[in-house]
Amino acid sequence: MKAIVCEKLGLPGDLIYKEVESPMPGPKEVVITVKACAINFPDTLIIQGKYQMRPELPFSPGSDISGIVKEVGADVKHLKLGDEVFGVVPYGGMAEEVVAHSKMIFPKPTGMDFDIAASFLYAYGTSLHALKDRGELKPGDTLVVLGAAGGVGLAAVDIGNKIGARVIAAASTSEKLELCKQYGAAETINYTQEDLKTRIKELTDGKGANVIYDPVGGSYTESAFRAMAWAGRYLVVGFATGEIPKIPLNLPLLKGADLRGVFWGRFTKENPEKNLSNSMQIMQWYAEGKIKPHIYKRYPLELSPVALEEMMNRKVMGKVVIIM
């Protein structure tokens, strides 16, 4: 089978498109013929050795996949050969076949295209876990989303709107902010042209934000935290700027605010039942026509490095998908 392979840590241009051996399933695993693989920001980190998880070389990046079950492990009961499925793997998705733990693979809803299916679980799973389980977002709350036009950011805008929060989207261009409005943002902030703290305060009549969703990090974090409401919840989702910020601890003290980490990958292992419930909620919203990922571009497998470059350069709005 063909795959994109990381043989040495580095940038997307260092990845190799080559023939590799097909994987074999363990007792609780399945092998999937991959139809689509959505790229997420951690994919750009894992190939550089900058992510929490560091697989042994060589490996293929890519975690958000959809496809058809090719082989089934002896202990797998809920999946069979030929099933159309979607789900998440730790890595390995940028290949024509991938092995996956059966607990992280779900039947694809009838009528859902493979590219849409591959764009769901990572972004919407992360954002629902963040806003519901960690942020305790309620109808009427003010939610500020940084990096709001990215994969997880746009999903947070979408979900926050469905929960009934007033969503303020912050991003770096007017084009990105226009997309956020289409997904339910009531107000927008261009943080390359406007002071983030000042604008959040202005848009909330000085009260500040109840929940801030931050997949960006860098200098934006402290500025946003200074615009928290009393007893607000600040959600640390990631560091797309490449800089892990440091927060003066007097800020959460003075605001009675919480700084809460969001690590969806660990959550799926620690709380599989709650993750399954969240996934069912996401699929229900999709079936009702209430949510749908935005696909920015589609690339063939051999051009995966180009897609990763676009992700690194923060050009992507929503999801970019590799089509096999």
Protein backbone atom coordinates (compact mmCIF):
# COMPACT_ATOMS: atom_id res chain seq x y z
CA MET A 1 0.00 0.00 0.00
CA LYS A 2 1.01 3.64 -0.43
CA ALA A 3 1.59 5.91 2.55
CA ILE A 4 3.08 9.22 3.62
CA VAL A 5 5.98 8.27 5.89
CA CYS A 6 7.93 10.26 8.46
CA GLU A 7 11.39 8.65 8.49
CA LYS A 8 13.08 11.53 10.30
CA LEU A 9 11.64 14.34 12.40
CA GLY A 10 11.27 17.56 10.48
CA LEU A 11 8.95 19.63 8.31
CA PRO A 12 6.29 18.48 5.83
CA GLY A 13 8.81 18.64 2.98
CA ASP A 14 10.81 15.88 4.70
CA LEU A 15 7.93 13.38 4.46
CA ILE A 16 8.18 10.56 1.91
CA TYR A 17 5.43 9.06 -0.29
CA LYS A 18 6.28 5.37 -0.63
CA GLU A 19 5.13 1.76 -0.67
CA VAL A 20 4.87 0.11 2.78
CA GLU A 21 3.55 -3.17 4.16
CA SER A 22 -0.14 -3.48 4.98
CA PRO A 23 -0.92 -3.58 8.73
CA MET A 24 -2.31 -6.59 10.59
CA PRO A 25 -5.00 -6.28 13.30
CA GLY A 26 -4.63 -7.39 16.92
CA PRO A 27 -7.52 -9.16 18.68
CA LYS A 28 -9.33 -5.88 19.51
CA GLU A 29 -8.36 -4.02 16.34
CA VAL A 30 -9.58 -3.58 12.78
CA VAL A 31 -7.79 -2.75 9.54
CA ILE A 32 -9.51 -0.01 7.56
CA THR A 33 -9.15 0.79 3.89
CA VAL A 34 -8.86 4.55 4.25
CA LYS A 35 -11.09 6.70 2.05
CA ALA A 36 -10.36 10.07 3.68
CA CYS A 37 -8.08 11.49 6.37
CA ALA A 38 -8.60 14.99 7.78
CA ILE A 39 -5.53 16.91 8.88
CA ASN A 40 -5.39 18.46 12.35
CA PHE A 41 -2.83 20.87 13.79
CA PRO A 42 -1.18 18.19 15.99
CA ASP A 43 -0.23 16.39 12.76
CA THR A 44 2.17 19.26 12.04
CA LEU A 45 3.67 18.88 15.52
CA ILE A 46 4.02 15.11 15.65
CA ILE A 47 6.26 15.03 12.56
CA GLN A 48 8.57 17.53 14.27
CA GLY A 49 8.67 15.67 17.58
CA LYS A 50 6.88 18.54 19.31
CA TYR A 51 3.70 16.74 20.37
CA GLN A 52 2.91 14.94 23.65
CA MET A 53 2.91 11.61 21.82
CA ARG A 54 6.09 10.61 19.98
CA PRO A 55 5.70 7.44 17.92
CA GLU A 56 8.75 5.45 16.95
CA LEU A 57 10.18 6.19 13.51
CA PRO A 58 9.14 5.50 10.82
CA PHE A 59 5.42 6.31 11.06
CA SER A 60 2.63 7.92 9.07
CA PRO A 61 0.86 10.99 10.52
CA GLY A 62 -2.91 11.47 10.43
CA SER A 63 -5.54 10.60 13.04
CA ASP A 64 -9.02 11.57 11.74
CA ILE A 65 -10.09 8.85 9.29
CA SER A 66 -13.00 7.26 7.47
CA GLY A 67 -13.11 4.19 5.27
CA ILE A 68 -14.20 0.56 4.89
CA VAL A 69 -13.39 -2.31 7.28
CA LYS A 70 -10.95 -4.69 5.55
CA GLU A 71 -9.98 -7.02 8.42
CA VAL A 72 -11.45 -7.66 11.87
CA GLY A 73 -9.65 -8.84 15.01
CA ALA A 74 -10.87 -11.97 16.78
CA ASP A 75 -12.43 -10.11 19.74
CA VAL A 76 -14.24 -7.41 17.73
CA LYS A 77 -18.02 -7.94 17.72
CA HIS A 78 -19.63 -4.64 16.64
CA LEU A 79 -17.86 -4.31 13.27
CA LYS A 80 -17.65 -6.61 10.25
CA LEU A 81 -15.94 -6.76 6.86
CA GLY A 82 -17.27 -4.15 4.45
CA ASP A 83 -18.67 -1.78 7.10
CA GLU A 84 -18.33 1.90 6.25
CA VAL A 85 -16.82 3.53 9.33
CA PHE A 86 -15.11 6.61 10.75
CA GLY A 87 -13.06 7.29 13.84
CA VAL A 88 -9.70 8.27 15.31
CA VAL A 89 -6.29 6.63 15.42
CA PRO A 90 -3.20 7.92 17.27
CA TYR A 91 -1.35 8.18 13.95
CA GLY A 92 -1.13 6.31 10.64
CA GLY A 93 -4.11 7.81 8.81
CA MET A 94 -2.17 9.20 5.82
CA ALA A 95 -2.03 5.80 4.19
CA GLU A 96 -4.22 3.58 2.06
CA GLU A 97 -4.77 1.29 5.07
CA VAL A 98 -4.59 1.82 8.82
CA VAL A 99 -5.00 -0.35 11.93
CA ALA A 100 -7.29 1.03 14.64
CA HIS A 101 -8.57 0.05 18.07
CA SER A 102 -12.20 -0.97 17.59
CA LYS A 103 -13.42 1.19 20.50
CA MET A 104 -12.46 4.33 18.54
CA ILE A 105 -14.21 3.28 15.32
CA PHE A 106 -17.91 3.88 14.66
CA PRO A 107 -20.36 2.99 11.86
CA LYS A 108 -20.63 5.85 9.38
CA PRO A 109 -24.13 7.31 9.17
CA THR A 110 -25.93 6.46 5.94
CA GLY A 111 -25.60 9.25 3.41
CA MET A 112 -22.59 10.90 5.09
CA ASP A 113 -19.73 11.36 2.63
CA PHE A 114 -16.34 9.93 3.61
CA ASP A 115 -14.68 13.37 3.60
CA ILE A 116 -17.28 14.75 5.99
CA ALA A 117 -17.02 11.66 8.22
CA ALA A 118 -13.25 12.08 8.48
CA SER A 119 -13.71 15.71 9.54
CA PHE A 120 -15.91 15.13 12.57
CA LEU A 121 -14.52 13.34 15.58
CA TYR A 122 -11.29 15.18 16.34
CA ALA A 123 -12.61 18.72 15.93
CA TYR A 124 -16.14 18.27 17.22
CA GLY A 125 -15.13 15.69 19.83
CA THR A 126 -12.48 18.02 21.23
CA SER A 127 -14.78 21.04 21.23
CA LEU A 128 -17.81 19.33 22.77
CA HIS A 129 -15.64 17.84 25.51
CA ALA A 130 -14.04 21.26 26.08
CA LEU A 131 -17.25 23.29 26.21
CA LYS A 132 -19.53 20.80 27.97
CA ASP A 133 -17.29 18.76 30.26
CA ARG A 134 -14.52 21.26 31.02
CA GLY A 135 -16.08 24.66 30.36
CA GLU A 136 -19.58 23.89 31.71
CA LEU A 137 -20.94 26.25 29.06
CA LYS A 138 -24.58 27.21 29.63
CA PRO A 139 -27.22 28.98 27.54
CA GLY A 140 -26.74 32.72 27.92
CA ASP A 141 -23.01 32.49 28.71
CA THR A 142 -20.56 34.54 26.67
CA LEU A 143 -18.04 32.32 24.90
CA VAL A 144 -14.90 33.73 23.26
CA VAL A 145 -13.20 31.42 20.75
CA LEU A 146 -9.61 32.19 19.72
CA GLY A 147 -8.38 30.78 16.41
CA ALA A 148 -12.06 30.57 15.61
CA ALA A 149 -11.74 29.67 11.92
CA GLY A 150 -9.47 26.65 12.47
CA GLY A 151 -10.73 23.07 12.70
CA VAL A 152 -11.38 22.90 16.45
CA GLY A 153 -12.12 26.64 16.67
CA LEU A 154 -14.90 26.58 14.09
CA ALA A 155 -16.35 23.47 15.73
CA ALA A 156 -16.36 25.37 19.05
CA VAL A 157 -18.19 28.29 17.43
CA ASP A 158 -20.72 25.85 15.96
CA ILE A 159 -21.27 23.92 19.22
CA GLY A 160 -21.31 27.04 21.38
CA ASN A 161 -24.08 28.43 19.21
CA LYS A 162 -26.05 25.16 19.49
CA ILE A 163 -25.73 25.20 23.30
CA GLY A 164 -27.21 28.71 23.33
CA ALA A 165 -24.17 30.78 24.27
CA ARG A 166 -23.38 34.18 22.82
CA VAL A 167 -20.28 33.43 20.72
CA ILE A 168 -17.54 35.97 20.05
CA ALA A 169 -15.14 34.67 17.39
CA ALA A 170 -11.54 35.92 17.28
CA ALA A 171 -9.35 35.28 14.24
CA SER A 172 -6.67 36.89 12.08
CA THR A 173 -8.48 37.91 8.86
CA SER A 174 -11.83 39.29 7.77
CA GLU A 175 -12.34 36.24 5.52
CA LYS A 176 -11.95 33.90 8.48
CA LEU A 177 -14.31 35.99 10.61
CA GLU A 178 -16.95 35.98 7.88
CA LEU A 179 -16.90 32.17 7.94
CA CYS A 180 -17.31 32.26 11.74
CA LYS A 181 -20.46 34.38 11.33
CA GLN A 182 -21.89 31.70 9.05
CA TYR A 183 -21.34 29.20 11.85
CA GLY A 184 -23.15 31.27 14.47
CA ALA A 185 -20.73 33.88 15.84
CA ALA A 186 -22.69 36.88 17.12
CA GLU A 187 -19.62 39.16 17.25
CA THR A 188 -16.09 39.00 15.85
CA ILE A 189 -12.63 40.31 16.73
CA ASN A 190 -9.70 40.60 14.34
CA TYR A 191 -6.87 40.23 16.83
CA THR A 192 -4.23 41.34 14.35
CA GLN A 193 -5.90 44.75 14.15
CA GLU A 194 -7.75 45.11 17.48
CA ASP A 195 -6.64 44.77 21.09
CA LEU A 196 -8.12 41.49 22.28
CA LYS A 197 -8.66 42.41 25.93
CA THR A 198 -10.20 45.80 25.09
CA ARG A 199 -12.60 44.40 22.48
CA ILE A 200 -13.80 41.54 24.68
CA LYS A 201 -14.51 44.04 27.45
CA GLU A 202 -16.33 46.36 25.02
CA LEU A 203 -18.45 43.55 23.57
CA THR A 204 -19.45 42.32 27.05
CA ASP A 205 -20.22 45.75 28.56
CA GLY A 206 -17.19 45.39 30.81
CA LYS A 207 -18.32 42.07 32.33
CA GLY A 208 -15.86 39.85 30.46
CA ALA A 209 -16.23 36.36 29.00
CA ASN A 210 -17.65 33.43 30.97
CA VAL A 211 -15.70 30.88 28.92
CA ILE A 212 -12.65 31.36 26.69
CA TYR A 213 -11.60 28.59 24.29
CA ASP A 214 -7.92 28.88 23.40
CA PRO A 215 -6.23 26.60 20.84
CA VAL A 216 -3.77 29.38 19.93
CA GLY A 217 -1.58 30.25 22.93
CA GLY A 218 1.26 32.73 22.58
CA SER A 219 0.74 36.38 23.45
CA TYR A 220 -3.03 36.14 22.98
CA THR A 221 -3.53 34.01 26.09
CA GLU A 222 -2.73 36.56 28.79
CA SER A 223 -4.56 39.32 26.91
CA ALA A 224 -7.69 37.15 26.69
CA PHE A 225 -7.42 35.98 30.31
CA ARG A 226 -7.41 39.60 31.46
CA ALA A 227 -10.88 39.86 29.89
CA MET A 228 -12.37 36.97 31.88
CA ALA A 229 -15.57 37.43 33.84
CA TRP A 230 -15.73 36.65 37.54
CA ALA A 231 -15.67 32.85 38.03
CA GLY A 232 -14.90 32.35 34.33
CA ARG A 233 -13.39 29.20 32.83
CA TYR A 234 -10.33 29.45 30.58
CA LEU A 235 -9.91 26.38 28.36
CA VAL A 236 -6.36 25.51 27.31
CA VAL A 237 -6.80 23.55 24.07
CA GLY A 238 -3.48 23.98 22.23
CA PHE A 239 -0.69 26.24 21.05
CA ALA A 240 -1.06 26.93 17.32
CA THR A 241 1.33 29.89 17.57
CA GLY A 242 4.07 27.48 18.64
CA GLU A 243 4.56 29.37 21.91
CA ILE A 244 3.40 27.95 25.25
CA PRO A 245 2.37 31.00 27.31
CA LYS A 246 2.97 31.67 31.01
CA ILE A 247 0.12 33.19 33.03
CA PRO A 248 0.65 35.39 36.12
CA LEU A 249 -1.20 33.45 38.81
CA ASN A 250 -2.65 36.61 40.33
CA LEU A 251 -5.05 36.76 37.34
CA PRO A 252 -7.09 33.63 38.19
CA LEU A 253 -6.93 34.68 41.87
CA LEU A 254 -8.34 38.17 41.29
CA LYS A 255 -11.07 36.90 38.96
CA GLY A 256 -11.95 33.75 40.90
CA ALA A 257 -11.37 32.09 37.52
CA ASP A 258 -10.38 28.58 36.53
CA LEU A 259 -7.63 27.57 34.12
CA ARG A 260 -8.71 24.19 32.72
CA GLY A 261 -6.77 21.87 30.46
CA VAL A 262 -8.46 20.11 27.54
CA PHE A 263 -6.79 16.89 26.37
CA TRP A 264 -9.42 15.04 24.37
CA GLY A 265 -7.15 12.13 23.47
CA ARG A 266 -6.55 11.28 27.14
CA PHE A 267 -10.25 11.86 27.91
CA THR A 268 -11.30 9.20 25.37
CA LYS A 269 -9.19 6.64 27.24
CA GLU A 270 -10.08 7.73 30.78
CA ASN A 271 -13.83 8.20 30.15
CA PRO A 272 -14.82 6.04 27.15
CA GLU A 273 -18.51 5.96 28.15
CA LYS A 274 -18.78 9.75 28.36
CA ASN A 275 -16.84 10.09 25.10
CA LEU A 276 -19.29 7.70 23.43
CA SER A 277 -22.19 9.80 24.74
CA ASN A 278 -20.57 12.94 23.35
CA SER A 279 -20.01 11.24 19.99
CA MET A 280 -23.67 10.20 19.87
CA GLN A 281 -24.68 13.81 20.57
CA ILE A 282 -22.50 15.02 17.69
CA MET A 283 -24.02 12.46 15.31
CA GLN A 284 -27.53 13.40 16.41
CA TRP A 285 -26.85 17.06 15.69
CA TYR A 286 -25.50 16.11 12.26
CA ALA A 287 -28.54 13.93 11.50
CA GLU A 288 -30.79 16.85 12.44
CA GLY A 289 -28.87 19.14 10.10
CA LYS A 290 -27.65 21.32 12.97
CA ILE A 291 -23.88 20.94 12.43
CA LYS A 292 -21.57 20.22 9.49
CA PRO A 293 -17.78 20.56 9.20
CA HIS A 294 -16.46 23.13 6.75
CA ILE A 295 -14.01 21.57 4.29
CA TYR A 296 -11.48 24.10 3.05
CA LYS A 297 -9.63 21.93 0.50
CA ARG A 298 -9.17 18.32 -0.55
CA TYR A 299 -5.81 16.83 -1.58
CA PRO A 300 -4.67 13.45 -2.94
CA LEU A 301 -2.46 11.36 -0.65
CA GLU A 302 0.79 12.23 -2.44
CA LEU A 303 0.17 15.95 -1.81
CA SER A 304 -0.30 15.54 1.95
CA PRO A 305 2.89 17.56 2.64
CA VAL A 306 1.35 20.53 0.81
CA ALA A 307 -1.77 20.28 2.98
CA LEU A 308 0.38 20.11 6.13
CA GLU A 309 2.28 23.22 5.00
CA GLU A 310 -1.01 25.09 4.64
CA MET A 311 -1.99 24.00 8.14
CA MET A 312 1.36 25.14 9.57
CA ASN A 313 1.04 28.51 7.84
CA ARG A 314 -2.46 28.95 9.34
CA LYS A 315 -4.13 29.29 5.95
CA VAL A 316 -6.73 26.58 6.58
CA MET A 317 -10.30 27.49 7.49
CA GLY A 318 -12.17 24.54 8.96
CA LYS A 319 -10.77 21.24 7.72
CA VAL A 320 -8.38 20.14 4.98
CA VAL A 321 -8.87 16.52 3.91
CA ILE A 322 -6.69 13.92 2.20
CA ILE A 323 -8.70 11.82 -0.26
CA MET A 324 -7.42 8.36 -1.17
